[in-house]
PDB file of N, CA and C in Angstrom:
ATOM      1  N   MET A   1       8.487   6.093  -0.102  1.00  0.00           N
ATOM      2  CA  MET A   1       7.828   6.927   0.867  1.00  0.00           C
ATOM      3  C   MET A   1       6.507   7.590   0.313  1.00  0.00           C
ATOM      4  N   LEU A   2       6.495   7.841  -0.928  1.00  0.00           N
ATOM      5  CA  LEU A   2       5.321   8.458  -1.457  1.00  0.00           C
ATOM      6  C   LEU A   2       4.167   7.509  -1.374  1.00  0.00           C
ATOM      7  N   ASN A   3       4.436   6.263  -1.670  1.00  0.00           N
ATOM      8  CA  ASN A   3       3.356   5.210  -1.582  1.00  0.00           C
ATOM      9  C   ASN A   3       2.823   5.089  -0.110  1.00  0.00           C
ATOM     10  N   ALA A   4       3.599   5.256   0.804  1.00  0.00           N
ATOM     11  CA  ALA A   4       3.294   5.219   2.265  1.00  0.00           C
ATOM     12  C   ALA A   4       2.383   6.335   2.546  1.00  0.00           C
ATOM     13  N   LEU A   5       2.818   7.604   2.139  1.00  0.00           N
ATOM     14  CA  LEU A   5       1.945   8.782   2.385  1.00  0.00           C
ATOM     15  C   LEU A   5       0.622   8.643   1.724  1.00  0.00           C
ATOM     16  N   LEU A   6       0.523   8.096   0.551  1.00  0.00           N
ATOM     17  CA  LEU A   6      -0.702   7.779  -0.097  1.00  0.00           C
ATOM     18  C   LEU A   6      -1.635   6.832   0.630  1.00  0.00           C
ATOM     19  N   PHE A   7      -0.961   5.660   1.162  1.00  0.00           N
ATOM     20  CA  PHE A   7      -1.776   4.792   1.967  1.00  0.00           C
ATOM     21  C   PHE A   7      -2.306   5.505   3.235  1.00  0.00           C
ATOM     22  N   TRP A   8      -1.417   6.294   3.884  1.00  0.00           N
ATOM     23  CA  TRP A   8      -1.871   7.045   5.103  1.00  0.00           C
ATOM     24  C   TRP A   8      -3.020   7.984   4.829  1.00  0.00           C
ATOM     25  N   PHE A   9      -2.866   8.646   3.673  1.00  0.00           N
ATOM     26  CA  PHE A   9      -3.946   9.664   3.260  1.00  0.00           C
ATOM     27  C   PHE A   9      -5.275   8.903   2.814  1.00  0.00           C
ATOM     28  N   ALA A  10      -5.171   7.773   2.239  1.00  0.00           N
ATOM     29  CA  ALA A  10      -6.307   7.004   1.864  1.00  0.00           C
ATOM     30  C   ALA A  10      -7.018   6.497   3.228  1.00  0.00           C
ATOM     31  N   GLY A  11      -6.223   6.055   4.086  1.00  0.00           N
ATOM     32  CA  GLY A  11      -6.820   5.660   5.379  1.00  0.00           C
ATOM     33  C   GLY A  11      -7.470   6.680   6.135  1.00  0.00           C
ATOM     34  N   SER A  12      -7.165   8.076   5.955  1.00  0.00           N
ATOM     35  CA  SER A  12      -7.824   9.063   6.562  1.00  0.00           C
ATOM     36  C   SER A  12      -9.122   9.466   5.939  1.00  0.00           C
ATOM     37  N   ILE A  13      -9.239   9.303   4.539  1.00  0.00           N
ATOM     38  CA  ILE A  13     -10.477   9.778   3.961  1.00  0.00           C
ATOM     39  C   ILE A  13     -11.453   8.729   3.517  1.00  0.00           C
ATOM     40  N   LEU A  14     -11.062   7.440   3.381  1.00  0.00           N
ATOM     41  CA  LEU A  14     -11.948   6.277   2.960  1.00  0.00           C
ATOM     42  C   LEU A  14     -12.451   5.671   4.217  1.00  0.00           C
ATOM     43  N   LYS A  15     -13.806   5.451   4.140  1.00  0.00           N
ATOM     44  CA  LYS A  15     -14.485   4.680   5.194  1.00  0.00           C
ATOM     45  C   LYS A  15     -14.255   3.089   4.940  1.00  0.00           C
ATOM     46  N   GLY A  16     -13.868   2.450   5.984  1.00  0.00           N
ATOM     47  CA  GLY A  16     -13.665   1.068   5.932  1.00  0.00           C
ATOM     48  C   GLY A  16     -12.223   0.681   5.669  1.00  0.00           C
ATOM     49  N   PHE A  17     -11.354   1.739   5.419  1.00  0.00           N
ATOM     50  CA  PHE A  17      -9.871   1.520   5.203  1.00  0.00           C
ATOM     51  C   PHE A  17      -9.243   2.358   6.227  1.00  0.00           C
ATOM     52  N   GLN A  18      -8.469   1.657   7.175  1.00  0.00           N
ATOM     53  CA  GLN A  18      -7.922   2.420   8.313  1.00  0.00           C
ATOM     54  C   GLN A  18      -6.382   1.999   8.344  1.00  0.00           C
ATOM     55  N   VAL A  19      -5.578   3.042   8.570  1.00  0.00           N
ATOM     56  CA  VAL A  19      -4.146   2.889   8.716  1.00  0.00           C
ATOM     57  C   VAL A  19      -3.803   3.495  10.101  1.00  0.00           C
ATOM     58  N   ASN A  20      -3.242   2.616  10.910  1.00  0.00           N
ATOM     59  CA  ASN A  20      -2.974   3.125  12.314  1.00  0.00           C
ATOM     60  C   ASN A  20      -1.585   3.716  12.454  1.00  0.00           C
ATOM     61  N   GLY A  21      -1.217   4.705  11.660  1.00  0.00           N
ATOM     62  CA  GLY A  21       0.054   5.228  11.786  1.00  0.00           C
ATOM     63  C   GLY A  21       0.992   5.177  10.561  1.00  0.00           C
ATOM     64  N   PHE A  22       1.981   6.056  10.496  1.00  0.00           N
ATOM     65  CA  PHE A  22       2.795   6.152   9.231  1.00  0.00           C
ATOM     66  C   PHE A  22       3.548   4.792   9.105  1.00  0.00           C
ATOM     67  N   TRP A  23       4.105   4.274  10.118  1.00  0.00           N
ATOM     68  CA  TRP A  23       4.971   3.041   9.856  1.00  0.00           C
ATOM     69  C   TRP A  23       4.053   1.842   9.318  1.00  0.00           C
ATOM     70  N   TRP A  24       2.805   1.834   9.734  1.00  0.00           N
ATOM     71  CA  TRP A  24       2.038   0.716   9.109  1.00  0.00           C
ATOM     72  C   TRP A  24       1.647   1.173   7.732  1.00  0.00           C
ATOM     73  N   ALA A  25       1.611   2.442   7.364  1.00  0.00           N
ATOM     74  CA  ALA A  25       1.534   2.825   6.010  1.00  0.00           C
ATOM     75  C   ALA A  25       2.761   2.374   5.133  1.00  0.00           C
ATOM     76  N   VAL A  26       3.899   2.459   5.713  1.00  0.00           N
ATOM     77  CA  VAL A  26       5.159   2.097   5.123  1.00  0.00           C
ATOM     78  C   VAL A  26       5.092   0.503   4.786  1.00  0.00           C
ATOM     79  N   ILE A  27       4.664  -0.229   5.839  1.00  0.00           N
ATOM     80  CA  ILE A  27       4.644  -1.636   5.648  1.00  0.00           C
ATOM     81  C   ILE A  27       3.570  -1.975   4.737  1.00  0.00           C
ATOM     82  N   GLY A  28       2.440  -1.337   4.683  1.00  0.00           N
ATOM     83  CA  GLY A  28       1.397  -1.659   3.580  1.00  0.00           C
ATOM     84  C   GLY A  28       1.903  -1.256   2.220  1.00  0.00           C
ATOM     85  N   ALA A  29       2.666  -0.241   2.081  1.00  0.00           N
ATOM     86  CA  ALA A  29       3.159   0.148   0.746  1.00  0.00           C
ATOM     87  C   ALA A  29       4.235  -0.889   0.241  1.00  0.00           C
ATOM     88  N   LEU A  30       5.078  -1.284   1.204  1.00  0.00           N
ATOM     89  CA  LEU A  30       6.047  -2.399   0.924  1.00  0.00           C
ATOM     90  C   LEU A  30       5.440  -3.659   0.409  1.00  0.00           C
ATOM     91  N   LEU A  31       4.389  -4.022   1.211  1.00  0.00           N
ATOM     92  CA  LEU A  31       3.641  -5.316   0.858  1.00  0.00           C
ATOM     93  C   LEU A  31       2.985  -5.119  -0.593  1.00  0.00           C
ATOM     94  N   TYR A  32       2.292  -3.893  -0.704  1.00  0.00           N
ATOM     95  CA  TYR A  32       1.750  -3.769  -2.044  1.00  0.00           C
ATOM     96  C   TYR A  32       2.701  -3.808  -3.238  1.00  0.00           C
ATOM     97  N   SER A  33       3.811  -3.258  -3.018  1.00  0.00           N
ATOM     98  CA  SER A  33       4.954  -3.258  -4.042  1.00  0.00           C
ATOM     99  C   SER A  33       5.280  -4.682  -4.323  1.00  0.00           C
ATOM    100  N   LEU A  34       5.575  -5.483  -3.282  1.00  0.00           N
ATOM    101  CA  LEU A  34       6.025  -6.799  -3.433  1.00  0.00           C
ATOM    102  C   LEU A  34       4.980  -7.665  -4.084  1.00  0.00           C
ATOM    103  N   ILE A  35       3.705  -7.622  -3.775  1.00  0.00           N
ATOM    104  CA  ILE A  35       2.590  -8.366  -4.432  1.00  0.00           C
ATOM    105  C   ILE A  35       2.467  -7.954  -5.862  1.00  0.00           C
ATOM    106  N   SER A  36       2.445  -6.577  -6.135  1.00  0.00           N
ATOM    107  CA  SER A  36       2.330  -6.176  -7.514  1.00  0.00           C
ATOM    108  C   SER A  36       3.448  -6.633  -8.307  1.00  0.00           C
ATOM    109  N   GLY A  37       4.756  -6.621  -7.833  1.00  0.00           N
ATOM    110  CA  GLY A  37       5.965  -7.052  -8.633  1.00  0.00           C
ATOM    111  C   GLY A  37       5.774  -8.616  -8.887  1.00  0.00           C
ATOM    112  N   LEU A  38       5.349  -9.454  -7.851  1.00  0.00           N
ATOM    113  CA  LEU A  38       5.254 -10.849  -8.067  1.00  0.00           C
ATOM    114  C   LEU A  38       4.195 -11.181  -9.121  1.00  0.00           C
ATOM    115  N   LEU A  39       3.048 -10.487  -9.049  1.00  0.00           N
ATOM    116  CA  LEU A  39       1.901 -10.634 -10.004  1.00  0.00           C
ATOM    117  C   LEU A  39       2.357 -10.329 -11.342  1.00  0.00           C
ATOM    118  N   SER A  40       3.122  -9.235 -11.492  1.00  0.00           N
ATOM    119  CA  SER A  40       3.476  -8.852 -12.742  1.00  0.00           C
ATOM    120  C   SER A  40       4.515  -9.851 -13.378  1.00  0.00           C
ATOM    121  N   ALA A  41       5.318 -10.454 -12.578  1.00  0.00           N
ATOM    122  CA  ALA A  41       6.165 -11.528 -13.061  1.00  0.00           C
ATOM    123  C   ALA A  41       5.533 -12.794 -13.486  1.00  0.00           C
ATOM    124  N   ILE A  42       4.357 -13.034 -12.747  1.00  0.00           N
ATOM    125  CA  ILE A  42       3.581 -14.257 -12.999  1.00  0.00           C
ATOM    126  C   ILE A  42       2.669 -14.174 -14.193  1.00  0.00           C
ATOM    127  N   VAL A  43       1.844 -13.177 -14.266  1.00  0.00           N
ATOM    128  CA  VAL A  43       0.791 -12.959 -15.256  1.00  0.00           C
ATOM    129  C   VAL A  43       1.471 -12.467 -16.536  1.00  0.00           C
ATOM    130  N   PRO A  44       1.190 -13.126 -17.598  1.00  0.00           N
ATOM    131  CA  PRO A  44       1.754 -12.668 -19.004  1.00  0.00           C
ATOM    132  C   PRO A  44       1.100 -11.473 -19.483  1.00  0.00           C
ATOM    133  N   ASN A  45       1.649 -10.625 -20.179  1.00  0.00           N
ATOM    134  CA  ASN A  45       1.013  -9.391 -20.751  1.00  0.00           C
ATOM    135  C   ASN A  45       0.259  -9.816 -21.871  1.00  0.00           C
TER     136      ASN A  45
END
């Protein structure tokens, strides 16, 4: 939920980045977490 709040906050202060509600922020945070996890598993350290 913290990631969703940060997405929502970023959408309110950054030009060119818009989040149309809290639930869209939740979806964006989940997608970000999934993509980050997949990339961490694929890319070697």
